[in-house]
PDB file of all heavy atoms in Angstrom:
ATOM      1  N   GLY A   1       0.803  -1.234   0.003  1.00  0.00           N
ATOM      2  CA  GLY A   1       0.004   0.006  -0.002  1.00  0.00           C
ATOM      3  C   GLY A   1       0.813   1.265   0.008  1.00  0.00           C
ATOM      4  O   GLY A   1       0.262   2.366   0.050  1.00  0.00           O
ATOM      5  N   LYS A   2       2.165   1.108  -0.034  1.00  0.00           N
ATOM      6  CA  LYS A   2       3.106   2.243  -0.039  1.00  0.00           C
ATOM      7  C   LYS A   2       2.910   3.148   1.168  1.00  0.00           C
ATOM      8  O   LYS A   2       2.997   4.379   1.109  1.00  0.00           O
ATOM      9  CB  LYS A   2       2.926   3.078  -1.320  1.00  0.00           C
ATOM     10  CG  LYS A   2       3.050   2.301  -2.619  1.00  0.00           C
ATOM     11  CD  LYS A   2       4.398   1.632  -2.770  1.00  0.00           C
ATOM     12  CE  LYS A   2       4.514   0.889  -4.101  1.00  0.00           C
ATOM     13  NZ  LYS A   2       5.802   0.146  -4.220  1.00  0.00           N
ATOM     14  N   ALA A   3       2.619   2.527   2.301  1.00  0.00           N
ATOM     15  CA  ALA A   3       2.334   3.271   3.537  1.00  0.00           C
ATOM     16  C   ALA A   3       3.631   3.752   4.182  1.00  0.00           C
ATOM     17  O   ALA A   3       4.694   3.150   4.032  1.00  0.00           O
ATOM     18  CB  ALA A   3       1.566   2.399   4.510  1.00  0.00           C
ATOM     19  N   ASP A   4       3.517   4.820   4.936  1.00  0.00           N
ATOM     20  CA  ASP A   4       4.555   5.293   5.863  1.00  0.00           C
ATOM     21  C   ASP A   4       4.242   4.604   7.191  1.00  0.00           C
ATOM     22  O   ASP A   4       3.330   5.014   7.903  1.00  0.00           O
ATOM     23  CB  ASP A   4       4.477   6.820   5.962  1.00  0.00           C
ATOM     24  CG  ASP A   4       5.506   7.376   6.973  1.00  0.00           C
ATOM     25  OD1 ASP A   4       6.066   6.612   7.780  1.00  0.00           O
ATOM     26  OD2 ASP A   4       5.728   8.589   6.920  1.00  0.00           O
ATOM     27  N   TRP A   5       4.991   3.536   7.498  1.00  0.00           N
ATOM     28  CA  TRP A   5       4.598   2.740   8.651  1.00  0.00           C
ATOM     29  C   TRP A   5       5.797   2.432   9.569  1.00  0.00           C
ATOM     30  O   TRP A   5       6.953   2.503   9.146  1.00  0.00           O
ATOM     31  CB  TRP A   5       3.952   1.405   8.240  1.00  0.00           C
ATOM     32  CG  TRP A   5       4.874   0.466   7.484  1.00  0.00           C
ATOM     33  CD1 TRP A   5       5.072   0.382   6.119  1.00  0.00           C
ATOM     34  CD2 TRP A   5       5.714  -0.558   8.036  1.00  0.00           C
ATOM     35  NE1 TRP A   5       5.979  -0.582   5.801  1.00  0.00           N
ATOM     36  CE2 TRP A   5       6.411  -1.186   6.955  1.00  0.00           C
ATOM     37  CE3 TRP A   5       5.990  -0.995   9.336  1.00  0.00           C
ATOM     38  CZ2 TRP A   5       7.292  -2.238   7.157  1.00  0.00           C
ATOM     39  CZ3 TRP A   5       6.883  -2.034   9.530  1.00  0.00           C
ATOM     40  CH2 TRP A   5       7.531  -2.641   8.435  1.00  0.00           C
ATOM     41  N   GLN A   6       5.467   2.070  10.801  1.00  0.00           N
ATOM     42  CA  GLN A   6       6.491   1.620  11.744  1.00  0.00           C
ATOM     43  C   GLN A   6       5.826   0.734  12.780  1.00  0.00           C
ATOM     44  O   GLN A   6       4.639   0.883  13.090  1.00  0.00           O
ATOM     45  CB  GLN A   6       7.190   2.792  12.413  1.00  0.00           C
ATOM     46  CG  GLN A   6       6.302   3.760  13.155  1.00  0.00           C
ATOM     47  CD  GLN A   6       7.026   5.040  13.530  1.00  0.00           C
ATOM     48  OE1 GLN A   6       8.130   5.002  14.055  1.00  0.00           O
ATOM     49  NE2 GLN A   6       6.390   6.167  13.271  1.00  0.00           N
ATOM     50  N   ILE A   7       6.603  -0.191  13.327  1.00  0.00           N
ATOM     51  CA  ILE A   7       6.120  -1.097  14.363  1.00  0.00           C
ATOM     52  C   ILE A   7       7.075  -1.035  15.565  1.00  0.00           C
ATOM     53  O   ILE A   7       8.303  -1.159  15.415  1.00  0.00           O
ATOM     54  CB  ILE A   7       6.050  -2.565  13.859  1.00  0.00           C
ATOM     55  CG1 ILE A   7       5.034  -2.696  12.712  1.00  0.00           C
ATOM     56  CG2 ILE A   7       5.667  -3.498  15.010  1.00  0.00           C
ATOM     57  CD1 ILE A   7       4.944  -4.088  12.115  1.00  0.00           C
ATOM     58  N   TYR A   8       6.497  -0.806  16.754  1.00  0.00           N
ATOM     59  CA  TYR A   8       7.232  -0.969  17.993  1.00  0.00           C
ATOM     60  C   TYR A   8       6.763  -2.253  18.638  1.00  0.00           C
ATOM     61  O   TYR A   8       5.553  -2.519  18.756  1.00  0.00           O
ATOM     62  CB  TYR A   8       6.959   0.194  18.963  1.00  0.00           C
ATOM     63  CG  TYR A   8       7.571   1.507  18.595  1.00  0.00           C
ATOM     64  CD1 TYR A   8       6.783   2.626  18.304  1.00  0.00           C
ATOM     65  CD2 TYR A   8       8.966   1.656  18.542  1.00  0.00           C
ATOM     66  CE1 TYR A   8       7.338   3.828  17.962  1.00  0.00           C
ATOM     67  CE2 TYR A   8       9.544   2.885  18.222  1.00  0.00           C
ATOM     68  CZ  TYR A   8       8.720   3.961  17.933  1.00  0.00           C
ATOM     69  OH  TYR A   8       9.288   5.159  17.586  1.00  0.00           O
ATOM     70  N   THR A   9       7.731  -3.093  19.014  1.00  0.00           N
ATOM     71  CA  THR A   9       7.408  -4.345  19.680  1.00  0.00           C
ATOM     72  C   THR A   9       7.902  -4.261  21.123  1.00  0.00           C
ATOM     73  O   THR A   9       9.075  -3.945  21.368  1.00  0.00           O
ATOM     74  CB  THR A   9       8.046  -5.536  18.971  1.00  0.00           C
ATOM     75  OG1 THR A   9       7.598  -5.548  17.607  1.00  0.00           O
ATOM     76  CG2 THR A   9       7.648  -6.841  19.631  1.00  0.00           C
ATOM     77  N   TYR A  10       7.038  -4.591  22.084  1.00  0.00           N
ATOM     78  CA  TYR A  10       7.340  -4.406  23.512  1.00  0.00           C
ATOM     79  C   TYR A  10       7.610  -5.750  24.178  1.00  0.00           C
ATOM     80  O   TYR A  10       6.769  -6.632  24.185  1.00  0.00           O
ATOM     81  CB  TYR A  10       6.161  -3.667  24.174  1.00  0.00           C
ATOM     82  CG  TYR A  10       5.950  -2.310  23.560  1.00  0.00           C
ATOM     83  CD1 TYR A  10       5.024  -2.175  22.500  1.00  0.00           C
ATOM     84  CD2 TYR A  10       6.678  -1.212  23.955  1.00  0.00           C
ATOM     85  CE1 TYR A  10       4.831  -0.943  21.871  1.00  0.00           C
ATOM     86  CE2 TYR A  10       6.483   0.038  23.310  1.00  0.00           C
ATOM     87  CZ  TYR A  10       5.579   0.154  22.305  1.00  0.00           C
ATOM     88  OH  TYR A  10       5.396   1.353  21.681  1.00  0.00           O
ATOM     89  N   ALA A  11       8.824  -5.877  24.678  1.00  0.00           N
ATOM     90  CA  ALA A  11       9.303  -7.135  25.247  1.00  0.00           C
ATOM     91  C   ALA A  11       8.522  -7.521  26.495  1.00  0.00           C
ATOM     92  O   ALA A  11       8.033  -6.663  27.246  1.00  0.00           O
ATOM     93  CB  ALA A  11      10.780  -7.021  25.574  1.00  0.00           C
ATOM     94  N   TYR A  12       8.378  -8.823  26.698  1.00  0.00           N
ATOM     95  CA  TYR A  12       7.736  -9.384  27.906  1.00  0.00           C
ATOM     96  C   TYR A  12       6.334  -8.835  28.129  1.00  0.00           C
ATOM     97  O   TYR A  12       5.872  -8.663  29.247  1.00  0.00           O
ATOM     98  CB  TYR A  12       8.616  -9.117  29.143  1.00  0.00           C
ATOM     99  CG  TYR A  12      10.070  -9.447  28.908  1.00  0.00           C
ATOM    100  CD1 TYR A  12      11.024  -8.443  28.867  1.00  0.00           C
ATOM    101  CD2 TYR A  12      10.492 -10.777  28.720  1.00  0.00           C
ATOM    102  CE1 TYR A  12      12.363  -8.760  28.628  1.00  0.00           C
ATOM    103  CE2 TYR A  12      11.830 -11.070  28.492  1.00  0.00           C
ATOM    104  CZ  TYR A  12      12.752 -10.066  28.438  1.00  0.00           C
ATOM    105  OH  TYR A  12      14.084 -10.351  28.198  1.00  0.00           O
ATOM    106  N   SER A  13       5.664  -8.574  27.055  1.00  0.00           N
ATOM    107  CA  SER A  13       4.330  -7.953  27.149  1.00  0.00           C
ATOM    108  C   SER A  13       3.285  -8.848  26.468  1.00  0.00           C
ATOM    109  O   SER A  13       3.467  -9.256  25.345  1.00  0.00           O
ATOM    110  CB  SER A  13       4.325  -6.563  26.485  1.00  0.00           C
ATOM    111  OG  SER A  13       5.198  -5.700  27.155  1.00  0.00           O
ATOM    112  N   LYS A  14       2.180  -9.054  27.211  1.00  0.00           N
ATOM    113  CA  LYS A  14       1.062  -9.824  26.660  1.00  0.00           C
ATOM    114  C   LYS A  14       0.028  -8.860  26.116  1.00  0.00           C
ATOM    115  O   LYS A  14       0.215  -7.651  26.079  1.00  0.00           O
ATOM    116  CB  LYS A  14       0.502 -10.742  27.734  1.00  0.00           C
ATOM    117  CG  LYS A  14       1.497 -11.820  28.153  1.00  0.00           C
ATOM    118  CD  LYS A  14       0.924 -12.758  29.194  1.00  0.00           C
ATOM    119  CE  LYS A  14       1.930 -13.838  29.576  1.00  0.00           C
ATOM    120  NZ  LYS A  14       1.368 -14.772  30.602  1.00  0.00           N
ATOM    121  N   HIS A  15      -1.117  -9.412  25.714  1.00  0.00           N
ATOM    122  CA  HIS A  15      -2.069  -8.676  24.902  1.00  0.00           C
ATOM    123  C   HIS A  15      -2.424  -7.296  25.424  1.00  0.00           C
ATOM    124  O   HIS A  15      -2.123  -6.257  24.787  1.00  0.00           O
ATOM    125  CB  HIS A  15      -3.335  -9.505  24.698  1.00  0.00           C
ATOM    126  CG  HIS A  15      -4.403  -8.830  23.878  1.00  0.00           C
ATOM    127  ND1 HIS A  15      -4.164  -8.314  22.624  1.00  0.00           N
ATOM    128  CD2 HIS A  15      -5.704  -8.558  24.149  1.00  0.00           C
ATOM    129  CE1 HIS A  15      -5.253  -7.757  22.153  1.00  0.00           C
ATOM    130  NE2 HIS A  15      -6.209  -7.899  23.052  1.00  0.00           N
ATOM    131  N   THR A  16      -3.062  -7.196  26.593  1.00  0.00           N
ATOM    132  CA  THR A  16      -3.555  -5.888  27.077  1.00  0.00           C
ATOM    133  C   THR A  16      -2.532  -5.228  27.991  1.00  0.00           C
ATOM    134  O   THR A  16      -2.847  -4.779  29.098  1.00  0.00           O
ATOM    135  CB  THR A  16      -4.906  -6.084  27.779  1.00  0.00           C
ATOM    136  OG1 THR A  16      -4.817  -7.143  28.725  1.00  0.00           O
ATOM    137  CG2 THR A  16      -5.984  -6.426  26.771  1.00  0.00           C
ATOM    138  N   PHE A  17      -1.299  -5.116  27.526  1.00  0.00           N
ATOM    139  CA  PHE A  17      -0.205  -4.654  28.389  1.00  0.00           C
ATOM    140  C   PHE A  17      -0.314  -3.185  28.798  1.00  0.00           C
ATOM    141  O   PHE A  17       0.354  -2.761  29.744  1.00  0.00           O
ATOM    142  CB  PHE A  17       1.130  -4.920  27.699  1.00  0.00           C
ATOM    143  CG  PHE A  17       1.467  -3.933  26.598  1.00  0.00           C
ATOM    144  CD1 PHE A  17       2.421  -2.927  26.781  1.00  0.00           C
ATOM    145  CD2 PHE A  17       0.870  -4.005  25.338  1.00  0.00           C
ATOM    146  CE1 PHE A  17       2.759  -2.065  25.771  1.00  0.00           C
ATOM    147  CE2 PHE A  17       1.201  -3.123  24.306  1.00  0.00           C
ATOM    148  CZ  PHE A  17       2.142  -2.134  24.530  1.00  0.00           C
ATOM    149  N   THR A  18      -1.133  -2.407  28.111  1.00  0.00           N
ATOM    150  CA  THR A  18      -1.251  -0.974  28.447  1.00  0.00           C
ATOM    151  C   THR A  18      -2.380  -0.689  29.420  1.00  0.00           C
ATOM    152  O   THR A  18      -2.507   0.463  29.885  1.00  0.00           O
ATOM    153  CB  THR A  18      -1.498  -0.137  27.178  1.00  0.00           C
ATOM    154  OG1 THR A  18      -2.730  -0.547  26.563  1.00  0.00           O
ATOM    155  CG2 THR A  18      -0.337  -0.302  26.195  1.00  0.00           C
ATOM    156  N   ASN A  19      -3.169  -1.668  29.766  1.00  0.00           N
ATOM    157  CA  ASN A  19      -4.370  -1.447  30.586  1.00  0.00           C
ATOM    158  C   ASN A  19      -4.078  -1.745  32.055  1.00  0.00           C
ATOM    159  O   ASN A  19      -3.849  -2.896  32.425  1.00  0.00           O
ATOM    160  CB  ASN A  19      -5.520  -2.339  30.092  1.00  0.00           C
ATOM    161  CG  ASN A  19      -6.823  -1.993  30.759  1.00  0.00           C
ATOM    162  OD1 ASN A  19      -6.877  -1.328  31.807  1.00  0.00           O
ATOM    163  ND2 ASN A  19      -7.924  -2.448  30.149  1.00  0.00           N
ATOM    164  N   PRO A  20      -4.079  -0.733  32.927  1.00  0.00           N
ATOM    165  CA  PRO A  20      -3.792  -0.964  34.372  1.00  0.00           C
ATOM    166  C   PRO A  20      -4.741  -1.930  35.017  1.00  0.00           C
ATOM    167  O   PRO A  20      -4.425  -2.484  36.090  1.00  0.00           O
ATOM    168  CB  PRO A  20      -3.911   0.444  34.965  1.00  0.00           C
ATOM    169  CG  PRO A  20      -3.707   1.388  33.820  1.00  0.00           C
ATOM    170  CD  PRO A  20      -4.294   0.682  32.630  1.00  0.00           C
ATOM    171  N   GLU A  21      -5.934  -2.156  34.470  1.00  0.00           N
ATOM    172  CA  GLU A  21      -6.902  -3.038  35.092  1.00  0.00           C
ATOM    173  C   GLU A  21      -6.730  -4.486  34.623  1.00  0.00           C
ATOM    174  O   GLU A  21      -7.447  -5.363  35.073  1.00  0.00           O
ATOM    175  CB  GLU A  21      -8.328  -2.564  34.736  1.00  0.00           C
ATOM    176  CG  GLU A  21      -8.652  -1.183  35.319  1.00  0.00           C
ATOM    177  CD  GLU A  21     -10.039  -0.704  34.926  1.00  0.00           C
ATOM    178  OE1 GLU A  21     -10.779  -1.467  34.277  1.00  0.00           O
ATOM    179  OE2 GLU A  21     -10.390   0.431  35.311  1.00  0.00           O
ATOM    180  N   SER A  22      -5.754  -4.722  33.732  1.00  0.00           N
ATOM    181  CA  SER A  22      -5.563  -6.060  33.174  1.00  0.00           C
ATOM    182  C   SER A  22      -4.433  -6.773  33.909  1.00  0.00           C
ATOM    183  O   SER A  22      -3.460  -6.179  34.352  1.00  0.00           O
ATOM    184  CB  SER A  22      -5.214  -5.972  31.697  1.00  0.00           C
ATOM    185  OG  SER A  22      -4.766  -7.203  31.195  1.00  0.00           O
ATOM    186  N   LYS A  23      -4.550  -8.108  33.991  1.00  0.00           N
ATOM    187  CA  LYS A  23      -3.464  -8.908  34.559  1.00  0.00           C
ATOM    188  C   LYS A  23      -2.232  -8.879  33.659  1.00  0.00           C
ATOM    189  O   LYS A  23      -1.127  -9.216  34.087  1.00  0.00           O
ATOM    190  CB  LYS A  23      -3.921 -10.363  34.759  1.00  0.00           C
ATOM    191  CG  LYS A  23      -4.374 -11.069  33.493  1.00  0.00           C
ATOM    192  CD  LYS A  23      -4.848 -12.500  33.777  1.00  0.00           C
ATOM    193  CE  LYS A  23      -5.377 -13.184  32.539  1.00  0.00           C
ATOM    194  NZ  LYS A  23      -4.396 -13.266  31.429  1.00  0.00           N
ATOM    195  N   ASP A  24      -2.384  -8.468  32.424  1.00  0.00           N
ATOM    196  CA  ASP A  24      -1.268  -8.360  31.478  1.00  0.00           C
ATOM    197  C   ASP A  24      -0.514  -7.036  31.580  1.00  0.00           C
ATOM    198  O   ASP A  24       0.482  -6.828  30.876  1.00  0.00           O
ATOM    199  CB  ASP A  24      -1.782  -8.489  30.029  1.00  0.00           C
ATOM    200  CG  ASP A  24      -2.330  -9.873  29.713  1.00  0.00           C
ATOM    201  OD1 ASP A  24      -2.039 -10.807  30.492  1.00  0.00           O
ATOM    202  OD2 ASP A  24      -3.048  -9.997  28.716  1.00  0.00           O
ATOM    203  N   TYR A  25      -0.968  -6.147  32.459  1.00  0.00           N
ATOM    204  CA  TYR A  25      -0.404  -4.812  32.519  1.00  0.00           C
ATOM    205  C   TYR A  25       1.089  -4.828  32.787  1.00  0.00           C
ATOM    206  O   TYR A  25       1.575  -5.495  33.717  1.00  0.00           O
ATOM    207  CB  TYR A  25      -1.105  -4.009  33.629  1.00  0.00           C
ATOM    208  CG  TYR A  25      -0.663  -2.582  33.761  1.00  0.00           C
ATOM    209  CD1 TYR A  25      -0.648  -1.722  32.687  1.00  0.00           C
ATOM    210  CD2 TYR A  25      -0.232  -2.087  34.991  1.00  0.00           C
ATOM    211  CE1 TYR A  25      -0.264  -0.388  32.815  1.00  0.00           C
ATOM    212  CE2 TYR A  25       0.156  -0.771  35.157  1.00  0.00           C
ATOM    213  CZ  TYR A  25       0.151   0.089  34.053  1.00  0.00           C
ATOM    214  OH  TYR A  25       0.553   1.383  34.191  1.00  0.00           O
ATOM    215  N   ASN A  26       1.831  -4.093  31.931  1.00  0.00           N
ATOM    216  CA  ASN A  26       3.279  -3.961  32.076  1.00  0.00           C
ATOM    217  C   ASN A  26       3.553  -2.461  32.181  1.00  0.00           C
ATOM    218  O   ASN A  26       3.625  -1.786  31.138  1.00  0.00           O
ATOM    219  CB  ASN A  26       3.975  -4.599  30.889  1.00  0.00           C
ATOM    220  CG  ASN A  26       5.505  -4.544  30.985  1.00  0.00           C
ATOM    221  OD1 ASN A  26       6.060  -3.631  31.582  1.00  0.00           O
ATOM    222  ND2 ASN A  26       6.162  -5.545  30.433  1.00  0.00           N
ATOM    223  N   PRO A  27       3.711  -1.936  33.411  1.00  0.00           N
ATOM    224  CA  PRO A  27       3.790  -0.472  33.545  1.00  0.00           C
ATOM    225  C   PRO A  27       4.957   0.164  32.829  1.00  0.00           C
ATOM    226  O   PRO A  27       4.826   1.286  32.294  1.00  0.00           O
ATOM    227  CB  PRO A  27       3.887  -0.290  35.070  1.00  0.00           C
ATOM    228  CG  PRO A  27       4.331  -1.607  35.619  1.00  0.00           C
ATOM    229  CD  PRO A  27       3.744  -2.631  34.689  1.00  0.00           C
ATOM    230  N   VAL A  28       6.095  -0.519  32.770  1.00  0.00           N
ATOM    231  CA  VAL A  28       7.277   0.057  32.099  1.00  0.00           C
ATOM    232  C   VAL A  28       7.017   0.186  30.609  1.00  0.00           C
ATOM    233  O   VAL A  28       7.207   1.233  29.984  1.00  0.00           O
ATOM    234  CB  VAL A  28       8.513  -0.794  32.347  1.00  0.00           C
ATOM    235  CG1 VAL A  28       9.692  -0.336  31.496  1.00  0.00           C
ATOM    236  CG2 VAL A  28       8.903  -0.778  33.820  1.00  0.00           C
ATOM    237  N   MET A  29       6.524  -0.903  30.008  1.00  0.00           N
ATOM    238  CA  MET A  29       6.253  -0.889  28.560  1.00  0.00           C
ATOM    239  C   MET A  29       5.048  -0.040  28.220  1.00  0.00           C
ATOM    240  O   MET A  29       5.008   0.604  27.157  1.00  0.00           O
ATOM    241  CB  MET A  29       6.084  -2.321  28.057  1.00  0.00           C
ATOM    242  CG  MET A  29       7.312  -3.189  28.173  1.00  0.00           C
ATOM    243  SD  MET A  29       8.714  -2.490  27.249  1.00  0.00           S
ATOM    244  CE  MET A  29      10.014  -3.623  27.727  1.00  0.00           C
ATOM    245  N   ALA A  30       4.069   0.036  29.122  1.00  0.00           N
ATOM    246  CA  ALA A  30       2.901   0.879  28.875  1.00  0.00           C
ATOM    247  C   ALA A  30       3.315   2.352  28.832  1.00  0.00           C
ATOM    248  O   ALA A  30       2.838   3.106  27.974  1.00  0.00           O
ATOM    249  CB  ALA A  30       1.847   0.659  29.951  1.00  0.00           C
ATOM    250  N   LYS A  31       4.214   2.732  29.720  1.00  0.00           N
ATOM    251  CA  LYS A  31       4.706   4.115  29.728  1.00  0.00           C
ATOM    252  C   LYS A  31       5.433   4.440  28.441  1.00  0.00           C
ATOM    253  O   LYS A  31       5.264   5.488  27.839  1.00  0.00           O
ATOM    254  CB  LYS A  31       5.603   4.332  30.930  1.00  0.00           C
ATOM    255  CG  LYS A  31       6.108   5.775  31.059  1.00  0.00           C
ATOM    256  CD  LYS A  31       6.966   5.947  32.305  1.00  0.00           C
ATOM    257  CE  LYS A  31       7.459   7.408  32.435  1.00  0.00           C
ATOM    258  NZ  LYS A  31       8.295   7.578  33.634  1.00  0.00           N
ATOM    259  N   ARG A  32       6.273   3.487  27.998  1.00  0.00           N
ATOM    260  CA  ARG A  32       7.017   3.695  26.754  1.00  0.00           C
ATOM    261  C   ARG A  32       6.060   3.799  25.560  1.00  0.00           C
ATOM    262  O   ARG A  32       6.233   4.657  24.665  1.00  0.00           O
ATOM    263  CB  ARG A  32       8.000   2.563  26.522  1.00  0.00           C
ATOM    264  CG  ARG A  32       9.157   2.544  27.489  1.00  0.00           C
ATOM    265  CD  ARG A  32      10.078   1.363  27.240  1.00  0.00           C
ATOM    266  NE  ARG A  32      11.123   1.299  28.266  1.00  0.00           N
ATOM    267  CZ  ARG A  32      11.999   0.312  28.369  1.00  0.00           C
ATOM    268  NH1 ARG A  32      11.958  -0.703  27.492  1.00  0.00           N
ATOM    269  NH2 ARG A  32      12.890   0.304  29.343  1.00  0.00           N
ATOM    270  N   ALA A  33       5.047   2.926  25.551  1.00  0.00           N
ATOM    271  CA  ALA A  33       4.085   2.946  24.439  1.00  0.00           C
ATOM    272  C   ALA A  33       3.360   4.292  24.385  1.00  0.00           C
ATOM    273  O   ALA A  33       3.116   4.832  23.287  1.00  0.00           O
ATOM    274  CB  ALA A  33       3.095   1.802  24.597  1.00  0.00           C
TER     275      ALA A  33
END
């Protein structure tokens, strides 16, 4: 599609890593994201 794209991949992080209410929450990676 000739997109201007980028991917950040967050180590040791499961699906809902940005959600403080989730068991998957990773505060360090959530802050970076």
